[in-house]
Protein backbone atom coordinates (compact mmCIF):
# COMPACT_ATOMS: atom_id res chain seq x y z
CA MET A 1 -8.18 -33.63 10.28
CA THR A 2 -11.34 -35.32 12.77
CA ASN A 3 -14.32 -36.47 11.81
CA ASN A 4 -16.32 -33.61 13.31
CA LEU A 5 -15.93 -31.64 9.90
CA ILE A 6 -18.43 -31.53 7.18
CA ILE A 7 -17.59 -29.87 3.78
CA ARG A 8 -21.13 -29.07 1.51
CA PHE A 9 -22.00 -26.71 -0.88
CA ALA A 10 -23.79 -23.74 0.01
CA GLU A 11 -27.39 -22.85 0.17
CA LYS A 12 -29.43 -20.02 0.36
CA SER A 13 -30.25 -20.35 4.17
CA ASP A 14 -26.39 -20.11 4.40
CA THR A 15 -26.17 -15.69 3.17
CA PRO A 16 -26.24 -14.75 5.98
CA ILE A 17 -23.32 -17.16 7.27
CA ILE A 18 -21.47 -16.25 3.99
CA PHE A 19 -21.66 -12.81 4.10
CA SER A 20 -20.31 -12.41 7.77
CA LEU A 21 -17.38 -15.09 7.10
CA ILE A 22 -16.90 -12.47 3.93
CA ARG A 23 -16.51 -9.74 6.60
CA GLN A 24 -14.05 -11.54 8.59
CA LEU A 25 -11.56 -12.22 6.09
CA ALA A 26 -11.80 -8.80 4.89
CA GLU A 27 -10.60 -7.77 8.82
CA TYR A 28 -8.12 -10.74 8.34
CA GLU A 29 -6.82 -8.90 5.70
CA LYS A 30 -6.93 -5.14 7.21
CA LEU A 31 -9.83 -4.43 3.93
CA SER A 32 -12.67 -4.04 5.75
CA ASP A 33 -12.84 -0.92 4.64
CA LYS A 34 -13.38 -2.00 1.36
CA VAL A 35 -16.29 -4.36 1.74
CA ILE A 36 -19.00 -2.70 -0.05
CA THR A 37 -21.24 -5.61 -1.14
CA THR A 38 -24.56 -6.81 0.68
CA GLU A 39 -25.75 -10.04 1.94
CA GLU A 40 -28.53 -9.07 -0.68
CA LYS A 41 -25.91 -8.80 -3.49
CA ILE A 42 -23.85 -11.73 -1.78
CA LYS A 43 -27.29 -13.96 -2.50
CA GLN A 44 -28.01 -13.02 -5.25
CA SER A 45 -24.56 -13.52 -7.05
CA ILE A 46 -25.09 -16.92 -5.44
CA PHE A 47 -28.56 -18.01 -5.77
CA GLY A 48 -30.03 -16.01 -8.00
CA ASN A 49 -30.93 -16.37 -12.17
CA ASP A 50 -26.85 -16.02 -13.35
CA GLN A 51 -25.71 -17.52 -10.36
CA PHE A 52 -21.96 -18.05 -11.26
CA ILE A 53 -20.02 -18.75 -8.17
CA GLU A 54 -20.09 -21.61 -5.99
CA VAL A 55 -19.38 -21.78 -2.20
CA LEU A 56 -18.47 -24.55 -0.43
CA ILE A 57 -19.28 -24.24 3.39
CA ALA A 58 -16.76 -25.95 6.36
CA GLU A 59 -18.73 -26.68 9.77
CA PHE A 60 -16.81 -27.92 12.44
CA GLU A 61 -18.90 -29.69 15.44
CA GLY A 62 -22.00 -28.21 13.76
CA LYS A 63 -20.40 -24.92 13.05
CA ALA A 64 -19.47 -23.45 10.16
CA VAL A 65 -16.01 -22.51 10.30
CA GLY A 66 -14.52 -21.00 7.01
CA TYR A 67 -15.42 -20.94 3.36
CA ALA A 68 -14.13 -21.28 -0.26
CA LEU A 69 -16.11 -18.99 -3.52
CA PHE A 70 -14.84 -19.90 -6.51
CA PHE A 71 -15.75 -19.98 -10.32
CA LYS A 72 -14.94 -21.13 -13.48
CA ASN A 73 -12.61 -19.58 -15.51
CA TYR A 74 -11.05 -20.56 -18.87
CA SER A 75 -6.84 -21.15 -20.24
CA THR A 76 -7.33 -20.28 -24.03
CA PHE A 77 -3.68 -22.04 -23.34
CA LEU A 78 -4.39 -25.74 -21.99
CA GLY A 79 -8.47 -25.39 -23.90
CA LYS A 80 -10.06 -25.82 -20.78
CA ALA A 81 -11.73 -24.54 -17.91
CA GLY A 82 -10.55 -23.88 -14.37
CA ILE A 83 -11.16 -23.02 -11.24
CA TYR A 84 -10.33 -19.65 -9.77
CA LEU A 85 -10.39 -19.66 -5.62
CA GLU A 86 -11.48 -15.72 -5.21
CA ASP A 87 -12.11 -17.13 -0.80
CA LEU A 88 -10.64 -19.29 1.02
CA PHE A 89 -10.81 -18.69 5.06
CA VAL A 90 -11.18 -20.72 8.39
CA LEU A 91 -12.39 -18.56 11.64
CA PRO A 92 -9.06 -17.82 13.07
CA ASP A 93 -10.14 -20.25 16.36
CA TYR A 94 -10.71 -23.11 13.52
CA ARG A 95 -6.97 -23.26 12.16
CA GLY A 96 -4.75 -25.72 12.84
CA LYS A 97 -7.33 -27.93 12.65
CA GLY A 98 -6.74 -29.42 8.33
CA ILE A 99 -10.39 -27.30 7.62
CA GLY A 100 -8.62 -24.69 4.79
CA LYS A 101 -6.92 -27.90 3.66
CA SER A 102 -10.00 -29.64 3.07
CA LEU A 103 -12.10 -27.06 1.76
CA LEU A 104 -8.68 -26.39 -1.09
CA LYS A 105 -9.42 -30.49 -1.63
CA LYS A 106 -12.59 -30.68 -1.84
CA ILE A 107 -11.58 -27.32 -4.31
CA ILE A 108 -8.76 -29.73 -5.97
CA SER A 109 -11.73 -33.18 -6.27
CA ILE A 110 -14.72 -31.18 -8.20
CA ALA A 111 -11.83 -29.76 -10.73
CA LYS A 112 -10.32 -33.40 -11.15
CA GLN A 113 -14.22 -34.32 -11.46
CA ARG A 114 -15.60 -32.17 -13.99
CA ASP A 115 -12.22 -32.73 -15.97
CA TYR A 116 -10.85 -28.83 -15.50
CA GLY A 117 -7.28 -27.74 -16.40
CA ARG A 118 -6.61 -25.91 -13.09
CA VAL A 119 -6.64 -24.38 -9.82
CA GLU A 120 -5.88 -20.95 -9.21
CA TRP A 121 -5.90 -18.46 -6.21
CA SER A 122 -4.70 -15.17 -5.44
CA VAL A 123 -2.67 -14.78 -2.13
CA LEU A 124 -1.21 -11.95 0.12
CA ASP A 125 2.64 -11.98 0.16
CA TRP A 126 2.61 -11.49 3.75
CA ASN A 127 0.41 -14.25 4.80
CA VAL A 128 3.28 -16.92 4.86
CA SER A 129 1.66 -19.56 7.11
CA ALA A 130 -1.48 -19.97 3.29
CA ILE A 131 2.25 -19.61 1.16
CA GLU A 132 3.65 -22.48 2.97
CA ILE A 133 0.45 -25.00 2.81
CA TYR A 134 0.47 -24.07 -1.07
CA LYS A 135 3.54 -25.10 -1.43
CA LYS A 136 3.33 -28.38 0.40
CA ILE A 137 0.31 -29.41 -1.81
CA GLY A 138 2.70 -29.05 -4.75
CA ALA A 139 1.27 -25.72 -6.28
CA GLU A 140 3.73 -22.90 -7.44
CA PRO A 141 3.59 -19.19 -7.30
CA LEU A 142 3.57 -17.01 -10.44
CA ASP A 143 5.86 -14.77 -8.50
CA GLU A 144 5.43 -11.57 -11.02
CA TRP A 145 1.45 -12.21 -10.65
CA LYS A 146 1.06 -13.44 -6.86
CA ILE A 147 -0.68 -16.01 -7.84
CA PHE A 148 -0.79 -20.00 -7.61
CA ARG A 149 -1.30 -22.49 -9.57
CA LEU A 150 -2.75 -26.33 -9.29
CA THR A 151 -2.28 -27.91 -12.37
CA SER A 152 -4.20 -31.11 -12.98
CA ASP A 153 -1.25 -33.43 -13.45
CA LYS A 154 -0.85 -32.98 -9.99
CA PHE A 155 -4.22 -33.55 -8.33
């Protein structure tokens, strides 16, 4: 990892960057045809009156190169809120620098700080490199759902 990396909460002026990164994530996942949202809808979801999602931006050497989009969920079994990580994406040219892992660590730190019970996310089964990273940090696959969970006892 490098000192040239900053992880920060998104600001309204970041909306075009977030939208661009979402489109690039969809392209990477071979799902570009599924993106029907607009930049305006993204802005409203993150910064509007009924904001319910949060976004972290990863800046490397002053350039936005990745993001994490997440929201609060709830576990009736734990009786606690948690984080559902909807998107974690780093531009291909910036992978292998610890940026994705830094975004994930920040999400985990937020969950700890807020006394949440777990962090969950889904990953495509063909994304083997991501799956290996998730397992290395202690996340466990829920194979029947392809959902990963990281409980607070592993933070």
